[in-house]
């Protein structure tokens, strides 16, 4: 994990929050944040899937 990711302040957006008060620009920003989070989560999922597959293959050999 990158040190900048750990120290990045959290955004004011919360999943499931009421979005009625947000402007169009704020909504566009929120969508961008969510898209970046999806990319990050998919990357972590891929790493974990590979580690799981490697572990399964390791224990199959014995």
N, C-alpha and C. Protein backbone atom coordinates (compact mmCIF):
# COMPACT_ATOMS: atom_id res chain seq x y z
N UNK A 1 0.85 -1.18 0.00
CA UNK A 1 0.00 0.00 0.00
C UNK A 1 0.89 1.23 0.00
N UNK A 2 0.51 2.21 -0.74
CA UNK A 2 1.26 3.44 -0.86
C UNK A 2 1.06 4.27 0.41
N UNK A 3 2.13 4.91 0.87
CA UNK A 3 2.05 5.72 2.08
C UNK A 3 1.07 6.87 1.91
N UNK A 4 0.95 7.41 0.71
CA UNK A 4 0.01 8.51 0.48
C UNK A 4 -1.43 8.07 0.64
N UNK A 5 -1.72 6.82 0.31
CA UNK A 5 -3.08 6.32 0.46
C UNK A 5 -3.49 6.28 1.93
N UNK A 6 -2.55 5.92 2.79
CA UNK A 6 -2.85 5.81 4.21
C UNK A 6 -3.09 7.18 4.81
N UNK A 7 -2.33 8.18 4.37
CA UNK A 7 -2.41 9.51 4.95
C UNK A 7 -3.42 10.43 4.27
N UNK A 8 -4.10 9.94 3.24
CA UNK A 8 -5.07 10.76 2.53
C UNK A 8 -6.30 10.96 3.40
N UNK A 9 -6.71 12.21 3.60
CA UNK A 9 -7.90 12.43 4.42
C UNK A 9 -9.13 11.85 3.76
N UNK A 10 -10.06 11.40 4.57
CA UNK A 10 -11.29 10.81 4.05
C UNK A 10 -12.18 11.91 3.46
N UNK A 11 -12.95 11.54 2.47
CA UNK A 11 -13.86 12.48 1.82
C UNK A 11 -15.11 12.65 2.67
N UNK A 12 -15.85 13.69 2.38
CA UNK A 12 -17.06 13.95 3.15
C UNK A 12 -18.22 13.07 2.71
N UNK A 13 -18.04 12.33 1.64
CA UNK A 13 -19.12 11.50 1.11
C UNK A 13 -19.25 10.22 1.90
N UNK A 14 -20.47 9.79 2.06
CA UNK A 14 -20.75 8.54 2.76
C UNK A 14 -21.71 7.72 1.91
N UNK A 15 -21.40 6.43 1.77
CA UNK A 15 -22.25 5.56 0.97
C UNK A 15 -23.66 5.55 1.56
N UNK A 16 -24.64 5.76 0.70
CA UNK A 16 -26.04 5.74 1.13
C UNK A 16 -26.55 7.07 1.65
N UNK A 17 -25.68 8.07 1.70
CA UNK A 17 -26.09 9.39 2.20
C UNK A 17 -27.05 10.05 1.22
N UNK A 18 -27.83 10.98 1.74
CA UNK A 18 -28.76 11.74 0.91
C UNK A 18 -27.95 12.64 -0.02
N UNK A 19 -28.20 12.56 -1.30
CA UNK A 19 -27.45 13.32 -2.30
C UNK A 19 -28.20 14.54 -2.82
N UNK A 20 -29.39 14.78 -2.30
CA UNK A 20 -30.22 15.87 -2.80
C UNK A 20 -29.57 17.25 -2.68
N UNK A 21 -28.77 17.47 -1.67
CA UNK A 21 -28.18 18.79 -1.43
C UNK A 21 -26.92 19.02 -2.27
N UNK A 22 -26.43 18.01 -2.96
CA UNK A 22 -25.19 18.15 -3.73
C UNK A 22 -25.45 18.79 -5.09
N UNK A 23 -24.52 19.62 -5.50
CA UNK A 23 -24.61 20.24 -6.83
C UNK A 23 -24.20 19.21 -7.89
N UNK A 24 -24.40 19.57 -9.13
CA UNK A 24 -24.01 18.70 -10.24
C UNK A 24 -22.50 18.47 -10.20
N UNK A 25 -21.72 19.52 -9.95
CA UNK A 25 -20.27 19.36 -9.87
C UNK A 25 -19.86 18.43 -8.72
N UNK A 26 -20.53 18.56 -7.60
CA UNK A 26 -20.24 17.68 -6.46
C UNK A 26 -20.61 16.24 -6.77
N UNK A 27 -21.69 16.04 -7.48
CA UNK A 27 -22.09 14.69 -7.88
C UNK A 27 -21.07 14.09 -8.85
N UNK A 28 -20.59 14.89 -9.79
CA UNK A 28 -19.57 14.42 -10.73
C UNK A 28 -18.31 14.03 -9.95
N UNK A 29 -17.93 14.83 -8.98
CA UNK A 29 -16.77 14.53 -8.14
C UNK A 29 -17.01 13.24 -7.36
N UNK A 30 -18.19 13.08 -6.82
CA UNK A 30 -18.54 11.88 -6.04
C UNK A 30 -18.46 10.63 -6.92
N UNK A 31 -18.96 10.73 -8.14
CA UNK A 31 -18.89 9.61 -9.09
C UNK A 31 -17.44 9.25 -9.36
N UNK A 32 -16.60 10.26 -9.55
CA UNK A 32 -15.17 10.02 -9.78
C UNK A 32 -14.54 9.31 -8.59
N UNK A 33 -14.87 9.75 -7.40
CA UNK A 33 -14.34 9.11 -6.18
C UNK A 33 -14.78 7.65 -6.12
N UNK A 34 -16.04 7.39 -6.42
CA UNK A 34 -16.55 6.02 -6.39
C UNK A 34 -15.89 5.15 -7.45
N UNK A 35 -15.69 5.70 -8.65
CA UNK A 35 -15.02 4.93 -9.71
C UNK A 35 -13.59 4.58 -9.32
N UNK A 36 -12.89 5.53 -8.70
CA UNK A 36 -11.53 5.25 -8.24
C UNK A 36 -11.52 4.21 -7.13
N UNK A 37 -12.50 4.25 -6.27
CA UNK A 37 -12.60 3.27 -5.19
C UNK A 37 -12.88 1.87 -5.76
N UNK A 38 -13.71 1.79 -6.78
CA UNK A 38 -13.99 0.51 -7.43
C UNK A 38 -12.71 -0.07 -8.03
N UNK A 39 -11.92 0.77 -8.67
CA UNK A 39 -10.65 0.32 -9.24
C UNK A 39 -9.74 -0.19 -8.14
N UNK A 40 -9.65 0.54 -7.03
CA UNK A 40 -8.80 0.14 -5.91
C UNK A 40 -9.25 -1.19 -5.32
N UNK A 41 -10.55 -1.34 -5.11
CA UNK A 41 -11.08 -2.57 -4.52
C UNK A 41 -10.87 -3.75 -5.46
N UNK A 42 -11.09 -3.55 -6.75
CA UNK A 42 -10.86 -4.63 -7.72
C UNK A 42 -9.40 -5.05 -7.75
N UNK A 43 -8.49 -4.10 -7.60
CA UNK A 43 -7.07 -4.41 -7.57
C UNK A 43 -6.73 -5.26 -6.34
N UNK A 44 -7.26 -4.89 -5.21
CA UNK A 44 -7.03 -5.66 -3.99
C UNK A 44 -7.64 -7.05 -4.10
N UNK A 45 -8.83 -7.12 -4.68
CA UNK A 45 -9.49 -8.41 -4.88
C UNK A 45 -8.66 -9.32 -5.77
N UNK A 46 -8.09 -8.75 -6.82
CA UNK A 46 -7.26 -9.52 -7.74
C UNK A 46 -6.02 -10.06 -7.02
N UNK A 47 -5.38 -9.21 -6.22
CA UNK A 47 -4.20 -9.64 -5.45
C UNK A 47 -4.55 -10.78 -4.50
N UNK A 48 -5.67 -10.65 -3.82
CA UNK A 48 -6.08 -11.68 -2.86
C UNK A 48 -6.48 -12.97 -3.57
N UNK A 49 -7.12 -12.85 -4.72
CA UNK A 49 -7.49 -14.04 -5.49
C UNK A 49 -6.25 -14.79 -5.95
N UNK A 50 -5.24 -14.02 -6.39
CA UNK A 50 -4.00 -14.66 -6.81
C UNK A 50 -3.31 -15.34 -5.63
N UNK A 51 -3.27 -14.69 -4.49
CA UNK A 51 -2.65 -15.29 -3.30
C UNK A 51 -3.39 -16.55 -2.88
N UNK A 52 -4.71 -16.54 -2.96
CA UNK A 52 -5.50 -17.71 -2.62
C UNK A 52 -5.23 -18.85 -3.59
N UNK A 53 -5.16 -18.54 -4.88
CA UNK A 53 -4.87 -19.55 -5.89
C UNK A 53 -3.48 -20.13 -5.70
N UNK A 54 -2.51 -19.27 -5.39
CA UNK A 54 -1.15 -19.74 -5.13
C UNK A 54 -1.12 -20.68 -3.92
N UNK A 55 -1.85 -20.33 -2.88
CA UNK A 55 -1.90 -21.18 -1.68
C UNK A 55 -2.56 -22.52 -1.99
N UNK A 56 -3.64 -22.50 -2.77
CA UNK A 56 -4.30 -23.75 -3.14
C UNK A 56 -3.35 -24.64 -3.94
N UNK A 57 -2.64 -24.04 -4.89
CA UNK A 57 -1.70 -24.80 -5.70
C UNK A 57 -0.56 -25.34 -4.86
N UNK A 58 -0.09 -24.59 -3.90
CA UNK A 58 0.99 -25.05 -3.05
C UNK A 58 0.58 -26.29 -2.26
N UNK A 59 -0.62 -26.26 -1.69
CA UNK A 59 -1.06 -27.38 -0.86
C UNK A 59 -1.54 -28.58 -1.69
N UNK A 60 -1.84 -28.38 -2.97
CA UNK A 60 -2.21 -29.49 -3.84
C UNK A 60 -1.00 -30.37 -4.13
N UNK A 61 0.18 -29.81 -4.14
CA UNK A 61 1.41 -30.54 -4.50
C UNK A 61 1.74 -31.62 -3.48
N UNK A 62 1.34 -31.43 -2.26
CA UNK A 62 1.75 -32.38 -1.23
C UNK A 62 0.80 -33.53 -1.09
